[in-house]
PDB file of N, CA and C in Angstrom:
ATOM      1  N   MET A   1     137.316 -12.186 204.245  1.00  0.00           N
ATOM      2  CA  MET A   1     138.443 -11.287 203.966  1.00  0.00           C
ATOM      3  C   MET A   1     138.625 -10.303 205.139  1.00  0.00           C
ATOM      4  N   SER A   2     139.797 -10.182 205.615  1.00  0.00           N
ATOM      5  CA  SER A   2     140.150  -9.350 206.744  1.00  0.00           C
ATOM      6  C   SER A   2     140.240  -7.897 206.295  1.00  0.00           C
ATOM      7  N   LEU A   3     139.864  -7.003 207.207  1.00  0.00           N
ATOM      8  CA  LEU A   3     140.016  -5.561 206.926  1.00  0.00           C
ATOM      9  C   LEU A   3     141.446  -5.095 207.098  1.00  0.00           C
ATOM     10  N   THR A   4     141.793  -4.049 206.439  1.00  0.00           N
ATOM     11  CA  THR A   4     143.038  -3.384 206.687  1.00  0.00           C
ATOM     12  C   THR A   4     142.802  -2.035 207.207  1.00  0.00           C
ATOM     13  N   ASP A   5     143.760  -1.499 207.869  1.00  0.00           N
ATOM     14  CA  ASP A   5     143.634  -0.097 208.393  1.00  0.00           C
ATOM     15  C   ASP A   5     143.367   0.911 207.376  1.00  0.00           C
ATOM     16  N   MET A   6     143.959   0.785 206.154  1.00  0.00           N
ATOM     17  CA  MET A   6     143.725   1.655 205.038  1.00  0.00           C
ATOM     18  C   MET A   6     142.237   1.618 204.578  1.00  0.00           C
ATOM     19  N   GLN A   7     141.642   0.479 204.483  1.00  0.00           N
ATOM     20  CA  GLN A   7     140.243   0.299 204.084  1.00  0.00           C
ATOM     21  C   GLN A   7     139.335   1.005 205.119  1.00  0.00           C
ATOM     22  N   ILE A   8     139.613   0.864 206.381  1.00  0.00           N
ATOM     23  CA  ILE A   8     138.802   1.536 207.380  1.00  0.00           C
ATOM     24  C   ILE A   8     138.909   3.075 207.294  1.00  0.00           C
ATOM     25  N   ARG A   9     140.162   3.546 207.147  1.00  0.00           N
ATOM     26  CA  ARG A   9     140.364   4.983 207.011  1.00  0.00           C
ATOM     27  C   ARG A   9     139.689   5.562 205.819  1.00  0.00           C
ATOM     28  N   LYS A  10     139.622   4.851 204.709  1.00  0.00           N
ATOM     29  CA  LYS A  10     139.076   5.354 203.486  1.00  0.00           C
ATOM     30  C   LYS A  10     137.565   5.185 203.400  1.00  0.00           C
ATOM     31  N   ALA A  11     136.959   4.491 204.399  1.00  0.00           N
ATOM     32  CA  ALA A  11     135.507   4.301 204.396  1.00  0.00           C
ATOM     33  C   ALA A  11     134.754   5.565 204.538  1.00  0.00           C
ATOM     34  N   LYS A  12     133.871   5.876 203.576  1.00  0.00           N
ATOM     35  CA  LYS A  12     133.165   7.147 203.507  1.00  0.00           C
ATOM     36  C   LYS A  12     131.750   6.870 204.070  1.00  0.00           C
ATOM     37  N   PRO A  13     131.215   7.943 204.774  1.00  0.00           N
ATOM     38  CA  PRO A  13     129.836   7.834 205.245  1.00  0.00           C
ATOM     39  C   PRO A  13     128.863   7.766 204.065  1.00  0.00           C
ATOM     40  N   ARG A  14     127.736   7.078 204.299  1.00  0.00           N
ATOM     41  CA  ARG A  14     126.662   6.960 203.341  1.00  0.00           C
ATOM     42  C   ARG A  14     125.377   7.469 204.014  1.00  0.00           C
ATOM     43  N   PRO A  15     124.338   7.670 203.283  1.00  0.00           N
ATOM     44  CA  PRO A  15     123.058   8.165 203.907  1.00  0.00           C
ATOM     45  C   PRO A  15     122.580   7.202 205.023  1.00  0.00           C
ATOM     46  N   LYS A  16     122.835   5.906 204.881  1.00  0.00           N
ATOM     47  CA  LYS A  16     122.514   4.920 205.918  1.00  0.00           C
ATOM     48  C   LYS A  16     123.748   4.307 206.423  1.00  0.00           C
ATOM     49  N   GLN A  17     123.689   3.891 207.725  1.00  0.00           N
ATOM     50  CA  GLN A  17     124.896   3.265 208.296  1.00  0.00           C
ATOM     51  C   GLN A  17     125.109   1.912 207.644  1.00  0.00           C
ATOM     52  N   TYR A  18     126.411   1.477 207.601  1.00  0.00           N
ATOM     53  CA  TYR A  18     126.702   0.202 206.974  1.00  0.00           C
ATOM     54  C   TYR A  18     127.851  -0.461 207.776  1.00  0.00           C
ATOM     55  N   LYS A  19     127.997  -1.755 207.539  1.00  0.00           N
ATOM     56  CA  LYS A  19     128.987  -2.539 208.221  1.00  0.00           C
ATOM     57  C   LYS A  19     130.127  -2.974 207.283  1.00  0.00           C
ATOM     58  N   MET A  20     131.394  -2.989 207.808  1.00  0.00           N
ATOM     59  CA  MET A  20     132.515  -3.541 207.115  1.00  0.00           C
ATOM     60  C   MET A  20     133.039  -4.661 207.986  1.00  0.00           C
ATOM     61  N   ALA A  21     132.834  -5.904 207.474  1.00  0.00           N
ATOM     62  CA  ALA A  21     133.201  -7.107 208.246  1.00  0.00           C
ATOM     63  C   ALA A  21     134.724  -7.373 208.253  1.00  0.00           C
ATOM     64  N   ASP A  22     135.221  -7.836 209.435  1.00  0.00           N
ATOM     65  CA  ASP A  22     136.601  -8.221 209.572  1.00  0.00           C
ATOM     66  C   ASP A  22     136.731  -9.712 209.721  1.00  0.00           C
ATOM     67  N   GLY A  23     135.816 -10.342 210.337  1.00  0.00           N
ATOM     68  CA  GLY A  23     135.879 -11.806 210.535  1.00  0.00           C
ATOM     69  C   GLY A  23     135.629 -12.134 212.022  1.00  0.00           C
ATOM     70  N   GLY A  24     135.145 -13.323 212.218  1.00  0.00           N
ATOM     71  CA  GLY A  24     134.880 -13.758 213.650  1.00  0.00           C
ATOM     72  C   GLY A  24     133.771 -12.955 214.333  1.00  0.00           C
ATOM     73  N   GLY A  25     132.885 -12.307 213.535  1.00  0.00           N
ATOM     74  CA  GLY A  25     131.844 -11.582 214.055  1.00  0.00           C
ATOM     75  C   GLY A  25     132.155 -10.097 214.292  1.00  0.00           C
ATOM     76  N   LEU A  26     133.419  -9.735 214.103  1.00  0.00           N
ATOM     77  CA  LEU A  26     133.876  -8.383 214.302  1.00  0.00           C
ATOM     78  C   LEU A  26     133.600  -7.516 213.059  1.00  0.00           C
ATOM     79  N   TYR A  27     133.105  -6.308 213.255  1.00  0.00           N
ATOM     80  CA  TYR A  27     132.899  -5.417 212.110  1.00  0.00           C
ATOM     81  C   TYR A  27     132.998  -3.911 212.564  1.00  0.00           C
ATOM     82  N   VAL A  28     133.198  -3.057 211.561  1.00  0.00           N
ATOM     83  CA  VAL A  28     133.180  -1.653 211.819  1.00  0.00           C
ATOM     84  C   VAL A  28     131.837  -1.140 211.302  1.00  0.00           C
ATOM     85  N   LEU A  29     131.138  -0.399 212.185  1.00  0.00           N
ATOM     86  CA  LEU A  29     129.852   0.227 211.815  1.00  0.00           C
ATOM     87  C   LEU A  29     130.149   1.654 211.394  1.00  0.00           C
ATOM     88  N   VAL A  30     129.948   1.998 210.163  1.00  0.00           N
ATOM     89  CA  VAL A  30     130.186   3.342 209.632  1.00  0.00           C
ATOM     90  C   VAL A  30     128.877   4.110 209.632  1.00  0.00           C
ATOM     91  N   LYS A  31     128.872   5.157 210.445  1.00  0.00           N
ATOM     92  CA  LYS A  31     127.674   5.996 210.701  1.00  0.00           C
ATOM     93  C   LYS A  31     127.522   7.084 209.635  1.00  0.00           C
ATOM     94  N   PRO A  32     126.331   7.568 209.326  1.00  0.00           N
ATOM     95  CA  PRO A  32     126.146   8.627 208.374  1.00  0.00           C
ATOM     96  C   PRO A  32     126.928   9.917 208.687  1.00  0.00           C
ATOM     97  N   GLY A  33     127.153  10.179 209.938  1.00  0.00           N
ATOM     98  CA  GLY A  33     127.908  11.356 210.370  1.00  0.00           C
ATOM     99  C   GLY A  33     129.408  11.158 210.193  1.00  0.00           C
ATOM    100  N   GLY A  34     129.868  10.011 209.870  1.00  0.00           N
ATOM    101  CA  GLY A  34     131.258   9.760 209.637  1.00  0.00           C
ATOM    102  C   GLY A  34     131.941   8.952 210.765  1.00  0.00           C
ATOM    103  N   GLY A  35     131.207   8.752 211.877  1.00  0.00           N
ATOM    104  CA  GLY A  35     131.765   8.000 213.017  1.00  0.00           C
ATOM    105  C   GLY A  35     131.895   6.512 212.654  1.00  0.00           C
ATOM    106  N   LYS A  36     132.960   5.864 213.183  1.00  0.00           N
ATOM    107  CA  LYS A  36     133.197   4.471 212.973  1.00  0.00           C
ATOM    108  C   LYS A  36     133.313   3.789 214.323  1.00  0.00           C
ATOM    109  N   LEU A  37     132.526   2.749 214.502  1.00  0.00           N
ATOM    110  CA  LEU A  37     132.508   2.030 215.753  1.00  0.00           C
ATOM    111  C   LEU A  37     132.832   0.521 215.550  1.00  0.00           C
ATOM    112  N   TRP A  38     133.670  -0.006 216.442  1.00  0.00           N
ATOM    113  CA  TRP A  38     133.876  -1.458 216.488  1.00  0.00           C
ATOM    114  C   TRP A  38     132.771  -2.201 217.156  1.00  0.00           C
ATOM    115  N   GLN A  39     132.242  -3.181 216.525  1.00  0.00           N
ATOM    116  CA  GLN A  39     131.226  -3.979 217.146  1.00  0.00           C
ATOM    117  C   GLN A  39     131.425  -5.463 216.787  1.00  0.00           C
ATOM    118  N   GLN A  40     130.876  -6.300 217.652  1.00  0.00           N
ATOM    119  CA  GLN A  40     131.062  -7.742 217.454  1.00  0.00           C
ATOM    120  C   GLN A  40     129.669  -8.387 217.631  1.00  0.00           C
ATOM    121  N   LYS A  41     129.293  -9.263 216.717  1.00  0.00           N
ATOM    122  CA  LYS A  41     128.076  -9.984 216.773  1.00  0.00           C
ATOM    123  C   LYS A  41     128.380 -11.376 217.306  1.00  0.00           C
ATOM    124  N   TYR A  42     127.574 -11.909 218.249  1.00  0.00           N
ATOM    125  CA  TYR A  42     127.799 -13.195 218.794  1.00  0.00           C
ATOM    126  C   TYR A  42     126.498 -13.830 219.246  1.00  0.00           C
ATOM    127  N   ARG A  43     126.460 -15.047 219.580  1.00  0.00           N
ATOM    128  CA  ARG A  43     125.306 -15.695 220.112  1.00  0.00           C
ATOM    129  C   ARG A  43     125.573 -16.205 221.501  1.00  0.00           C
ATOM    130  N   PHE A  44     124.633 -15.988 222.383  1.00  0.00           N
ATOM    131  CA  PHE A  44     124.781 -16.491 223.790  1.00  0.00           C
ATOM    132  C   PHE A  44     123.391 -17.029 224.239  1.00  0.00           C
ATOM    133  N   LEU A  45     123.379 -18.232 224.605  1.00  0.00           N
ATOM    134  CA  LEU A  45     122.107 -18.962 224.997  1.00  0.00           C
ATOM    135  C   LEU A  45     121.105 -18.912 223.889  1.00  0.00           C
ATOM    136  N   GLY A  46     121.532 -19.044 222.635  1.00  0.00           N
ATOM    137  CA  GLY A  46     120.744 -19.117 221.515  1.00  0.00           C
ATOM    138  C   GLY A  46     120.196 -17.728 221.012  1.00  0.00           C
ATOM    139  N   LYS A  47     120.613 -16.633 221.633  1.00  0.00           N
ATOM    140  CA  LYS A  47     120.133 -15.319 221.178  1.00  0.00           C
ATOM    141  C   LYS A  47     121.329 -14.575 220.631  1.00  0.00           C
ATOM    142  N   GLU A  48     121.035 -13.818 219.530  1.00  0.00           N
ATOM    143  CA  GLU A  48     122.040 -13.045 218.911  1.00  0.00           C
ATOM    144  C   GLU A  48     122.192 -11.706 219.681  1.00  0.00           C
ATOM    145  N   ARG A  49     123.461 -11.388 219.907  1.00  0.00           N
ATOM    146  CA  ARG A  49     123.773 -10.152 220.659  1.00  0.00           C
ATOM    147  C   ARG A  49     124.869  -9.381 220.006  1.00  0.00           C
ATOM    148  N   SER A  50     125.037  -8.161 220.492  1.00  0.00           N
ATOM    149  CA  SER A  50     126.032  -7.294 219.857  1.00  0.00           C
ATOM    150  C   SER A  50     126.882  -6.714 221.014  1.00  0.00           C
ATOM    151  N   LEU A  51     128.170  -6.601 220.819  1.00  0.00           N
ATOM    152  CA  LEU A  51     129.107  -6.109 221.754  1.00  0.00           C
ATOM    153  C   LEU A  51     129.902  -4.950 221.164  1.00  0.00           C
ATOM    154  N   SER A  52     129.977  -3.824 221.826  1.00  0.00           N
ATOM    155  CA  SER A  52     130.740  -2.668 221.266  1.00  0.00           C
ATOM    156  C   SER A  52     132.097  -2.700 221.889  1.00  0.00           C
ATOM    157  N   HIS A  53     133.134  -2.419 221.050  1.00  0.00           N
ATOM    158  CA  HIS A  53     134.483  -2.399 221.484  1.00  0.00           C
ATOM    159  C   HIS A  53     135.037  -0.983 221.454  1.00  0.00           C
ATOM    160  N   GLY A  54     134.318   0.022 221.015  1.00  0.00           N
ATOM    161  CA  GLY A  54     134.762   1.424 221.052  1.00  0.00           C
ATOM    162  C   GLY A  54     134.873   1.981 219.648  1.00  0.00           C
ATOM    163  N   PRO A  55     135.209   3.258 219.604  1.00  0.00           N
ATOM    164  CA  PRO A  55     135.296   4.022 218.349  1.00  0.00           C
ATOM    165  C   PRO A  55     136.635   3.833 217.665  1.00  0.00           C
ATOM    166  N   TYR A  56     136.629   3.836 216.356  1.00  0.00           N
ATOM    167  CA  TYR A  56     137.852   3.846 215.576  1.00  0.00           C
ATOM    168  C   TYR A  56     138.151   5.268 215.333  1.00  0.00           C
ATOM    169  N   PRO A  57     139.395   5.768 215.413  1.00  0.00           N
ATOM    170  CA  PRO A  57     140.673   5.139 215.612  1.00  0.00           C
ATOM    171  C   PRO A  57     141.148   5.065 217.014  1.00  0.00           C
ATOM    172  N   THR A  58     140.301   5.410 217.994  1.00  0.00           N
ATOM    173  CA  THR A  58     140.715   5.286 219.446  1.00  0.00           C
ATOM    174  C   THR A  58     141.103   3.831 219.693  1.00  0.00           C
ATOM    175  N   VAL A  59     140.254   2.939 219.208  1.00  0.00           N
ATOM    176  CA  VAL A  59     140.524   1.516 219.378  1.00  0.00           C
ATOM    177  C   VAL A  59     140.989   1.012 217.945  1.00  0.00           C
ATOM    178  N   THR A  60     142.305   0.633 217.962  1.00  0.00           N
ATOM    179  CA  THR A  60     142.898   0.272 216.664  1.00  0.00           C
ATOM    180  C   THR A  60     142.372  -1.043 216.165  1.00  0.00           C
ATOM    181  N   LEU A  61     142.736  -1.454 214.952  1.00  0.00           N
ATOM    182  CA  LEU A  61     142.386  -2.716 214.389  1.00  0.00           C
ATOM    183  C   LEU A  61     142.908  -3.849 215.216  1.00  0.00           C
ATOM    184  N   ALA A  62     144.180  -3.803 215.588  1.00  0.00           N
ATOM    185  CA  ALA A  62     144.794  -4.844 216.449  1.00  0.00           C
ATOM    186  C   ALA A  62     144.087  -4.952 217.782  1.00  0.00           C
ATOM    187  N   GLN A  63     143.770  -3.840 218.447  1.00  0.00           N
ATOM    188  CA  GLN A  63     143.112  -3.870 219.733  1.00  0.00           C
ATOM    189  C   GLN A  63     141.749  -4.431 219.634  1.00  0.00           C
ATOM    190  N   ALA A  64     140.994  -4.134 218.536  1.00  0.00           N
ATOM    191  CA  ALA A  64     139.653  -4.613 218.340  1.00  0.00           C
ATOM    192  C   ALA A  64     139.698  -6.202 218.150  1.00  0.00           C
ATOM    193  N   ARG A  65     140.737  -6.632 217.405  1.00  0.00           N
ATOM    194  CA  ARG A  65     140.835  -8.093 217.192  1.00  0.00           C
ATOM    195  C   ARG A  65     141.214  -8.790 218.497  1.00  0.00           C
ATOM    196  N   GLN A  66     141.990  -8.128 219.326  1.00  0.00           N
ATOM    197  CA  GLN A  66     142.355  -8.737 220.637  1.00  0.00           C
ATOM    198  C   GLN A  66     141.094  -8.781 221.511  1.00  0.00           C
ATOM    199  N   LYS A  67     140.307  -7.710 221.529  1.00  0.00           N
ATOM    200  CA  LYS A  67     139.054  -7.711 222.317  1.00  0.00           C
ATOM    201  C   LYS A  67     138.070  -8.753 221.804  1.00  0.00           C
ATOM    202  N   ARG A  68     138.015  -8.992 220.470  1.00  0.00           N
ATOM    203  CA  ARG A  68     137.170 -10.027 219.879  1.00  0.00           C
ATOM    204  C   ARG A  68     137.612 -11.405 220.447  1.00  0.00           C
ATOM    205  N   ASP A  69     138.952 -11.600 220.459  1.00  0.00           N
ATOM    206  CA  ASP A  69     139.401 -12.881 220.904  1.00  0.00           C
ATOM    207  C   ASP A  69     139.120 -13.136 222.361  1.00  0.00           C
ATOM    208  N   GLU A  70     139.257 -12.086 223.142  1.00  0.00           N
ATOM    209  CA  GLU A  70     138.943 -12.136 224.604  1.00  0.00           C
ATOM    210  C   GLU A  70     137.490 -12.511 224.797  1.00  0.00           C
ATOM    211  N   ALA A  71     136.589 -11.854 224.042  1.00  0.00           N
ATOM    212  CA  ALA A  71     135.170 -12.116 224.080  1.00  0.00           C
ATOM    213  C   ALA A  71     134.865 -13.563 223.758  1.00  0.00           C
ATOM    214  N   LYS A  72     135.511 -14.031 222.672  1.00  0.00           N
ATOM    215  CA  LYS A  72     135.338 -15.414 222.210  1.00  0.00           C
ATOM    216  C   LYS A  72     135.788 -16.405 223.321  1.00  0.00           C
ATOM    217  N   ALA A  73     136.862 -16.098 224.028  1.00  0.00           N
ATOM    218  CA  ALA A  73     137.356 -16.963 225.079  1.00  0.00           C
ATOM    219  C   ALA A  73     136.284 -17.005 226.221  1.00  0.00           C
ATOM    220  N   LEU A  74     135.704 -15.882 226.510  1.00  0.00           N
ATOM    221  CA  LEU A  74     134.633 -15.879 227.607  1.00  0.00           C
ATOM    222  C   LEU A  74     133.488 -16.721 227.139  1.00  0.00           C
ATOM    223  N   LEU A  75     133.108 -16.646 225.823  1.00  0.00           N
ATOM    224  CA  LEU A  75     131.978 -17.473 225.343  1.00  0.00           C
ATOM    225  C   LEU A  75     132.301 -18.939 225.455  1.00  0.00           C
ATOM    226  N   VAL A  76     133.545 -19.383 225.187  1.00  0.00           N
ATOM    227  CA  VAL A  76     133.941 -20.760 225.308  1.00  0.00           C
ATOM    228  C   VAL A  76     133.715 -21.231 226.752  1.00  0.00           C
ATOM    229  N   GLU A  77     133.974 -20.328 227.704  1.00  0.00           N
ATOM    230  CA  GLU A  77     133.810 -20.678 229.091  1.00  0.00           C
ATOM    231  C   GLU A  77     132.340 -20.588 229.577  1.00  0.00           C
ATOM    232  N   GLY A  78     131.436 -20.204 228.680  1.00  0.00           N
ATOM    233  CA  GLY A  78     130.037 -20.085 229.013  1.00  0.00           C
ATOM    234  C   GLY A  78     129.693 -18.804 229.721  1.00  0.00           C
ATOM    235  N   ILE A  79     130.465 -17.743 229.517  1.00  0.00           N
ATOM    236  CA  ILE A  79     130.249 -16.458 230.151  1.00  0.00           C
ATOM    237  C   ILE A  79     129.836 -15.451 229.087  1.00  0.00           C
ATOM    238  N   ASP A  80     128.790 -14.619 229.362  1.00  0.00           N
ATOM    239  CA  ASP A  80     128.401 -13.616 228.406  1.00  0.00           C
ATOM    240  C   ASP A  80     129.469 -12.427 228.433  1.00  0.00           C
ATOM    241  N   PRO A  81     130.057 -12.149 227.263  1.00  0.00           N
ATOM    242  CA  PRO A  81     131.066 -11.070 227.265  1.00  0.00           C
ATOM    243  C   PRO A  81     130.514  -9.662 227.461  1.00  0.00           C
ATOM    244  N   CYS A  82     129.174  -9.530 227.458  1.00  0.00           N
ATOM    245  CA  CYS A  82     128.586  -8.183 227.664  1.00  0.00           C
ATOM    246  C   CYS A  82     128.585  -7.854 229.151  1.00  0.00           C
ATOM    247  N   LEU A  83     128.895  -8.753 230.050  1.00  0.00           N
ATOM    248  CA  LEU A  83     128.916  -8.448 231.482  1.00  0.00           C
ATOM    249  C   LEU A  83     129.957  -7.357 231.785  1.00  0.00           C
ATOM    250  N   SER A  84     129.670  -6.410 232.623  1.00  0.00           N
ATOM    251  CA  SER A  84     130.624  -5.434 233.051  1.00  0.00           C
ATOM    252  C   SER A  84     131.727  -6.159 233.854  1.00  0.00           C
ATOM    253  N   PRO A  85     132.907  -5.518 234.020  1.00  0.00           N
ATOM    254  CA  PRO A  85     133.886  -6.170 234.805  1.00  0.00           C
ATOM    255  C   PRO A  85     133.522  -6.540 236.188  1.00  0.00           C
ATOM    256  N   LEU A  86     132.716  -5.691 236.857  1.00  0.00           N
ATOM    257  CA  LEU A  86     132.216  -5.993 238.167  1.00  0.00           C
ATOM    258  C   LEU A  86     131.260  -7.218 238.173  1.00  0.00           C
ATOM    259  N   GLU A  87     130.377  -7.235 237.227  1.00  0.00           N
ATOM    260  CA  GLU A  87     129.421  -8.355 237.094  1.00  0.00           C
ATOM    261  C   GLU A  87     130.191  -9.633 236.781  1.00  0.00           C
ATOM    262  N   LEU A  88     131.213  -9.525 235.972  1.00  0.00           N
ATOM    263  CA  LEU A  88     132.023 -10.679 235.598  1.00  0.00           C
ATOM    264  C   LEU A  88     132.753 -11.250 236.800  1.00  0.00           C
ATOM    265  N   ARG A  89     133.325 -10.348 237.607  1.00  0.00           N
ATOM    266  CA  ARG A  89     133.994 -10.773 238.803  1.00  0.00           C
ATOM    267  C   ARG A  89     133.056 -11.439 239.780  1.00  0.00           C
ATOM    268  N   HIS A  90     131.878 -10.891 239.970  1.00  0.00           N
ATOM    269  CA  HIS A  90     130.850 -11.419 240.780  1.00  0.00           C
ATOM    270  C   HIS A  90     130.475 -12.863 240.333  1.00  0.00           C
ATOM    271  N   TYR A  91     130.317 -12.943 239.022  1.00  0.00           N
ATOM    272  CA  TYR A  91     129.908 -14.264 238.441  1.00  0.00           C
ATOM    273  C   TYR A  91     130.981 -15.293 238.713  1.00  0.00           C
ATOM    274  N   ILE A  92     132.251 -14.921 238.511  1.00  0.00           N
ATOM    275  CA  ILE A  92     133.338 -15.881 238.684  1.00  0.00           C
ATOM    276  C   ILE A  92     133.384 -16.289 240.124  1.00  0.00           C
ATOM    277  N   VAL A  93     133.292 -15.315 241.037  1.00  0.00           N
ATOM    278  CA  VAL A  93     133.398 -15.617 242.446  1.00  0.00           C
ATOM    279  C   VAL A  93     132.227 -16.505 242.938  1.00  0.00           C
ATOM    280  N   CYS A  94     131.025 -16.165 242.535  1.00  0.00           N
ATOM    281  CA  CYS A  94     129.801 -16.891 243.017  1.00  0.00           C
ATOM    282  C   CYS A  94     129.550 -18.170 242.319  1.00  0.00           C
ATOM    283  N   GLU A  95     129.629 -18.131 240.970  1.00  0.00           N
ATOM    284  CA  GLU A  95     129.269 -19.321 240.255  1.00  0.00           C
ATOM    285  C   GLU A  95     130.359 -20.442 240.285  1.00  0.00           C
ATOM    286  N   ARG A  96     131.571 -19.974 240.347  1.00  0.00           N
ATOM    287  CA  ARG A  96     132.653 -20.971 240.395  1.00  0.00           C
ATOM    288  C   ARG A  96     133.010 -21.478 241.782  1.00  0.00           C
ATOM    289  N   GLY A  97     132.317 -20.964 242.796  1.00  0.00           N
ATOM    290  CA  GLY A  97     132.535 -21.505 244.099  1.00  0.00           C
ATOM    291  C   GLY A  97     133.718 -20.955 244.846  1.00  0.00           C
ATOM    292  N   ALA A  98     134.247 -19.792 244.453  1.00  0.00           N
ATOM    293  CA  ALA A  98     135.453 -19.265 245.092  1.00  0.00           C
ATOM    294  C   ALA A  98     135.189 -18.847 246.508  1.00  0.00           C
ATOM    295  N   LEU A  99     133.886 -18.560 246.814  1.00  0.00           N
ATOM    296  CA  LEU A  99     133.571 -18.179 248.182  1.00  0.00           C
ATOM    297  C   LEU A  99     132.616 -19.204 248.811  1.00  0.00           C
ATOM    298  N   ASP A 100     132.974 -20.473 248.782  1.00  0.00           N
ATOM    299  CA  ASP A 100     132.099 -21.493 249.276  1.00  0.00           C
ATOM    300  C   ASP A 100     131.687 -21.235 250.748  1.00  0.00           C
ATOM    301  N   GLY A 101     132.603 -20.712 251.608  1.00  0.00           N
ATOM    302  CA  GLY A 101     132.260 -20.499 252.954  1.00  0.00           C
ATOM    303  C   GLY A 101     131.366 -19.266 253.199  1.00  0.00           C
ATOM    304  N   THR A 102     131.329 -18.424 252.232  1.00  0.00           N
ATOM    305  CA  THR A 102     130.572 -17.128 252.414  1.00  0.00           C
ATOM    306  C   THR A 102     129.106 -17.421 252.641  1.00  0.00           C
ATOM    307  N   GLU A 103     128.515 -18.273 251.824  1.00  0.00           N
ATOM    308  CA  GLU A 103     127.135 -18.536 252.031  1.00  0.00           C
ATOM    309  C   GLU A 103     126.787 -19.055 253.379  1.00  0.00           C
ATOM    310  N   GLU A 104     127.680 -19.856 253.910  1.00  0.00           N
ATOM    311  CA  GLU A 104     127.440 -20.375 255.297  1.00  0.00           C
ATOM    312  C   GLU A 104     127.543 -19.264 256.301  1.00  0.00           C
ATOM    313  N   VAL A 105     128.474 -18.316 256.118  1.00  0.00           N
ATOM    314  CA  VAL A 105     128.534 -17.153 257.035  1.00  0.00           C
ATOM    315  C   VAL A 105     127.268 -16.329 257.001  1.00  0.00           C
ATOM    316  N   PHE A 106     126.758 -16.081 255.760  1.00  0.00           N
ATOM    317  CA  PHE A 106     125.516 -15.280 255.604  1.00  0.00           C
ATOM    318  C   PHE A 106     124.336 -16.067 256.232  1.00  0.00           C
ATOM    319  N   ARG A 107     124.317 -17.274 256.079  1.00  0.00           N
ATOM    320  CA  ARG A 107     123.209 -18.125 256.662  1.00  0.00           C
ATOM    321  C   ARG A 107     123.228 -18.030 258.155  1.00  0.00           C
ATOM    322  N   ARG A 108     124.415 -18.120 258.738  1.00  0.00           N
ATOM    323  CA  ARG A 108     124.537 -18.024 260.219  1.00  0.00           C
ATOM    324  C   ARG A 108     124.088 -16.668 260.691  1.00  0.00           C
ATOM    325  N   ARG A 109     124.511 -15.567 260.007  1.00  0.00           N
ATOM    326  CA  ARG A 109     124.118 -14.205 260.426  1.00  0.00           C
ATOM    327  C   ARG A 109     122.587 -14.018 260.353  1.00  0.00           C
ATOM    328  N   ARG A 110     121.945 -14.601 259.332  1.00  0.00           N
ATOM    329  CA  ARG A 110     120.483 -14.533 259.272  1.00  0.00           C
ATOM    330  C   ARG A 110     119.843 -15.207 260.398  1.00  0.00           C
ATOM    331  N   ILE A 111     120.344 -16.392 260.795  1.00  0.00           N
ATOM    332  CA  ILE A 111     119.796 -17.155 261.906  1.00  0.00           C
ATOM    333  C   ILE A 111     120.004 -16.350 263.211  1.00  0.00           C
ATOM    334  N   GLU A 112     121.201 -15.763 263.379  1.00  0.00           N
ATOM    335  CA  GLU A 112     121.522 -15.008 264.646  1.00  0.00           C
ATOM    336  C   GLU A 112     120.648 -13.785 264.697  1.00  0.00           C
ATOM    337  N   ALA A 113     120.417 -13.090 263.583  1.00  0.00           N
ATOM    338  CA  ALA A 113     119.606 -11.886 263.535  1.00  0.00           C
ATOM    339  C   ALA A 113     118.119 -12.191 263.817  1.00  0.00           C
ATOM    340  N   ALA A 114     117.638 -13.314 263.416  1.00  0.00           N
ATOM    341  CA  ALA A 114     116.287 -13.733 263.661  1.00  0.00           C
ATOM    342  C   ALA A 114     116.035 -14.111 265.061  1.00  0.00           C
ATOM    343  N   ALA A 115     117.086 -14.602 265.799  1.00  0.00           N
ATOM    344  CA  ALA A 115     116.943 -15.050 267.174  1.00  0.00           C
ATOM    345  C   ALA A 115     116.926 -13.929 268.217  1.00  0.00           C
TER     346      ALA A 115
END
């Protein structure tokens, strides 16, 4: 069952934190102090991980669902969605071979420096 904005707004804090599931691994974590955080549970390389999407209401229900879908798209491509944007860019450039000639340039520089 999907969450509604009204259900999230009406969620009251309890002595212990609890989760309100939305679907696809996305849930709102309600803290004892009243804070509400969007989080997503997923598996990468056989290990369970958690990804934070930000606090509610700063991140709306629609935005959280969009971030969940983006994270799932990365998982389909075999990329861990927990990577920072810089790490993700580095991964795409290096692992996907976008800089094929760069390794050759670095190898030449090392040989020249050693000589």
